[in-house]
Amino acid sequence: MGMTRVTTSARPPGRPRSGVNAVVFAATLSTVHELGYARATVDRIAATAGVAKTTIYRRWPSKGVLIVDCLLDAFGPVPLEGANRAELMTSAIHWIAAKIGQPGVGDAFAGVFSDAVSDPSLREVLSTRLQDPYRLALQEALGEPEHRVLFFIDVVIGTLLHRMGMTGEPMADADVAALVEMVLPHFADGAGPA
């Protein structure tokens, strides 16, 4: 009665359903880290995860959608902390730079972003599933209009992914600090460049 539910699932015992996503996401990042984005096929990710390829395709219709969900899981919520707009933006920039520097994350992000250039449906997934939640959180926290927050995201993410693409390495801390110094005057006071 009440909270008790009877299920008629014939699913065999083993890894619980809720754990499959975590296992697949970990396998996705480790496969991308080891082989690179292009060679990290769904077949290889499934093999690393120890699941059938059909298990992945039932949840994610394409590699791109899998990568987007994997990135959402890896990033988690943006830490919107700070006594003022400058501190909030500084913490957000350092946070995303650190996330992109984690094994497999920057490569996965750059790879799916590159694929989206010629794939309108993947661009839509990237925009609505990955960018929009962060954009909306930043808009609310900063009290900025959509076009300014999108520009902030473009400048920061674009710079971080460009560095990853050009060097294969995440941006060094000193360069992240320099990026913060460049970006803050444009956004922190809400009035454009000082």
Protein backbone atom coordinates (compact mmCIF):
# COMPACT_ATOMS: atom_id res chain seq x y z
CA MET A 1 0.00 0.00 0.00
CA GLY A 2 1.13 3.59 -0.43
CA MET A 3 4.81 3.67 -1.41
CA THR A 4 5.19 -0.03 -2.29
CA ARG A 5 5.36 -0.79 -6.00
CA VAL A 6 5.32 -4.18 -7.62
CA THR A 7 7.26 -4.41 -10.85
CA THR A 8 6.76 -7.11 -13.43
CA SER A 9 10.11 -6.53 -15.12
CA ALA A 10 11.75 -9.69 -16.38
CA ARG A 11 15.15 -8.00 -16.29
CA PRO A 12 17.76 -10.41 -14.95
CA PRO A 13 19.63 -9.54 -11.76
CA GLY A 14 22.86 -7.65 -12.17
CA ARG A 15 23.87 -4.04 -12.51
CA PRO A 16 20.91 -1.83 -11.52
CA ARG A 17 19.47 0.34 -14.27
CA SER A 18 20.38 3.58 -12.50
CA GLY A 19 24.04 2.51 -12.42
CA VAL A 20 24.27 1.96 -16.17
CA ASN A 21 24.52 5.67 -16.96
CA ALA A 22 27.40 6.15 -14.52
CA VAL A 23 29.25 3.14 -15.94
CA VAL A 24 28.70 4.26 -19.55
CA PHE A 25 29.73 7.86 -18.79
CA ALA A 26 32.94 6.69 -17.08
CA ALA A 27 33.67 4.36 -20.02
CA THR A 28 32.97 7.18 -22.49
CA LEU A 29 35.46 9.55 -20.88
CA SER A 30 38.13 6.89 -20.42
CA THR A 31 37.74 5.72 -24.03
CA VAL A 32 37.90 9.28 -25.36
CA HIS A 33 40.93 9.96 -23.14
CA GLU A 34 42.70 6.81 -24.33
CA LEU A 35 41.80 6.79 -28.03
CA GLY A 36 40.72 10.34 -28.84
CA TYR A 37 37.22 11.49 -29.71
CA ALA A 38 37.09 10.23 -33.31
CA ARG A 39 38.27 6.70 -32.46
CA ALA A 40 36.02 6.43 -29.39
CA THR A 41 33.19 4.66 -31.19
CA VAL A 42 30.00 3.48 -29.52
CA ASP A 43 31.28 -0.10 -30.02
CA ARG A 44 34.46 0.67 -28.10
CA ILE A 45 32.61 2.59 -25.38
CA ALA A 46 30.18 -0.33 -24.95
CA ALA A 47 33.07 -2.80 -24.72
CA THR A 48 34.82 -0.65 -22.08
CA ALA A 49 31.57 -0.30 -20.14
CA GLY A 50 30.89 -4.03 -20.36
CA VAL A 51 27.43 -3.47 -21.83
CA ALA A 52 25.82 -4.31 -25.14
CA LYS A 53 25.90 -1.67 -27.83
CA THR A 54 22.09 -1.89 -27.89
CA THR A 55 22.04 -0.83 -24.21
CA ILE A 56 23.72 2.41 -25.23
CA TYR A 57 21.55 3.00 -28.31
CA ARG A 58 18.35 2.45 -26.29
CA ARG A 59 19.32 5.41 -24.10
CA TRP A 60 21.24 7.57 -26.58
CA PRO A 61 20.32 7.55 -30.28
CA SER A 62 23.80 8.70 -31.35
CA LYS A 63 27.33 9.15 -30.12
CA GLY A 64 26.77 12.92 -30.07
CA VAL A 65 23.76 12.67 -27.75
CA LEU A 66 25.70 10.27 -25.49
CA ILE A 67 28.60 12.73 -25.33
CA VAL A 68 26.27 15.64 -24.47
CA ASP A 69 24.71 13.69 -21.58
CA CYS A 70 28.16 12.54 -20.48
CA LEU A 71 29.35 16.17 -20.41
CA LEU A 72 26.28 17.28 -18.45
CA ASP A 73 27.09 14.59 -15.91
CA ALA A 74 30.79 15.53 -15.81
CA PHE A 75 30.13 19.25 -15.45
CA GLY A 76 27.30 19.18 -12.92
CA PRO A 77 25.85 22.52 -11.87
CA VAL A 78 27.88 25.69 -12.32
CA PRO A 79 29.01 27.02 -8.93
CA LEU A 80 27.48 30.48 -8.83
CA GLU A 81 29.36 31.77 -5.84
CA GLY A 82 30.71 35.18 -5.06
CA ALA A 83 29.93 38.39 -3.23
CA ASN A 84 29.61 40.27 -6.53
CA ARG A 85 29.39 39.77 -10.29
CA ALA A 86 33.16 39.74 -10.76
CA GLU A 87 33.67 36.97 -8.17
CA LEU A 88 30.78 34.97 -9.61
CA MET A 89 32.18 35.14 -13.15
CA THR A 90 35.70 34.42 -11.94
CA SER A 91 34.56 31.28 -10.12
CA ALA A 92 32.53 30.17 -13.17
CA ILE A 93 35.51 30.59 -15.52
CA HIS A 94 37.89 28.71 -13.21
CA TRP A 95 35.27 25.97 -12.75
CA ILE A 96 34.73 25.32 -16.47
CA ALA A 97 38.48 25.50 -17.17
CA ALA A 98 39.07 22.85 -14.49
CA LYS A 99 36.27 20.65 -15.84
CA ILE A 100 37.60 20.88 -19.41
CA GLY A 101 41.02 19.88 -18.04
CA GLN A 102 39.73 16.57 -16.63
CA PRO A 103 40.77 13.42 -18.55
CA GLY A 104 38.60 12.92 -21.62
CA VAL A 105 36.29 15.87 -20.91
CA GLY A 106 37.99 18.52 -23.05
CA ASP A 107 38.49 16.07 -25.91
CA ALA A 108 34.84 14.95 -25.74
CA PHE A 109 33.61 18.55 -25.60
CA ALA A 110 35.81 19.68 -28.51
CA GLY A 111 34.88 16.60 -30.54
CA VAL A 112 31.12 16.91 -30.17
CA PHE A 113 31.38 20.66 -30.76
CA SER A 114 33.31 20.02 -33.99
CA ASP A 115 30.78 17.40 -35.14
CA ALA A 116 27.96 19.87 -34.50
CA VAL A 117 29.39 22.34 -37.04
CA SER A 118 28.04 20.15 -39.87
CA ASP A 119 25.16 18.47 -37.98
CA PRO A 120 22.15 20.75 -37.32
CA SER A 121 20.35 18.18 -35.15
CA LEU A 122 23.42 17.76 -32.93
CA ARG A 123 23.74 21.57 -32.75
CA GLU A 124 20.17 21.68 -31.47
CA VAL A 125 20.98 19.06 -28.80
CA LEU A 126 24.11 20.98 -27.78
CA SER A 127 22.17 24.23 -27.57
CA THR A 128 19.09 23.00 -25.72
CA ARG A 129 20.52 20.25 -23.50
CA LEU A 130 24.01 21.52 -22.71
CA GLN A 131 24.21 25.28 -23.21
CA ASP A 132 20.70 26.41 -22.20
CA PRO A 133 20.75 25.22 -18.56
CA TYR A 134 24.06 27.02 -17.95
CA ARG A 135 22.96 30.09 -19.91
CA LEU A 136 19.75 30.36 -17.89
CA ALA A 137 21.58 29.93 -14.56
CA LEU A 138 24.09 32.63 -15.54
CA GLN A 139 21.36 34.98 -16.80
CA GLU A 140 19.55 34.70 -13.49
CA ALA A 141 22.69 35.02 -11.36
CA LEU A 142 24.12 37.95 -13.33
CA GLY A 143 20.90 39.71 -14.27
CA GLU A 144 22.19 39.90 -17.84
CA PRO A 145 20.21 39.55 -21.07
CA GLU A 146 20.55 36.39 -23.14
CA HIS A 147 22.78 37.90 -25.86
CA ARG A 148 25.39 39.08 -23.30
CA VAL A 149 25.45 35.74 -21.49
CA LEU A 150 25.79 33.90 -24.80
CA PHE A 151 28.73 36.15 -25.68
CA PHE A 152 30.33 35.44 -22.29
CA ILE A 153 29.91 31.68 -22.93
CA ASP A 154 31.29 32.03 -26.48
CA VAL A 155 34.39 33.92 -25.34
CA VAL A 156 35.21 31.64 -22.41
CA ILE A 157 34.34 28.24 -23.88
CA GLY A 158 35.66 29.20 -27.30
CA THR A 159 39.01 30.21 -25.85
CA LEU A 160 39.30 27.08 -23.68
CA LEU A 161 38.36 24.70 -26.52
CA HIS A 162 40.64 26.49 -28.98
CA ARG A 163 43.59 26.02 -26.61
CA MET A 164 42.69 22.34 -26.17
CA GLY A 165 42.46 21.89 -29.95
CA MET A 166 45.71 23.68 -30.67
CA THR A 167 47.83 22.10 -27.94
CA GLY A 168 46.01 18.96 -26.83
CA GLU A 169 46.33 20.29 -23.29
CA PRO A 170 43.99 22.23 -21.03
CA MET A 171 44.77 25.88 -20.45
CA ALA A 172 47.39 26.49 -17.75
CA ASP A 173 46.24 28.23 -14.54
CA ALA A 174 48.18 31.40 -15.35
CA ASP A 175 46.44 31.64 -18.72
CA VAL A 176 43.02 31.02 -17.12
CA ALA A 177 43.79 33.91 -14.76
CA ALA A 178 44.73 36.08 -17.77
CA LEU A 179 41.46 35.08 -19.49
CA VAL A 180 39.55 36.18 -16.38
CA GLU A 181 41.38 39.53 -16.43
CA MET A 182 40.49 40.03 -20.10
CA VAL A 183 36.82 39.05 -19.77
CA LEU A 184 35.84 40.72 -16.49
CA PRO A 185 36.10 44.36 -17.59
CA HIS A 186 33.61 43.67 -20.36
CA PHE A 187 31.03 41.93 -18.16
CA ALA A 188 31.54 42.58 -14.47
CA ASP A 189 30.01 46.04 -14.35
CA GLY A 190 27.33 45.26 -16.91
CA ALA A 191 28.34 48.29 -18.96
CA GLY A 192 30.69 46.83 -21.54
CA PRO A 193 34.40 47.69 -21.70
CA ALA A 194 35.59 50.20 -19.14
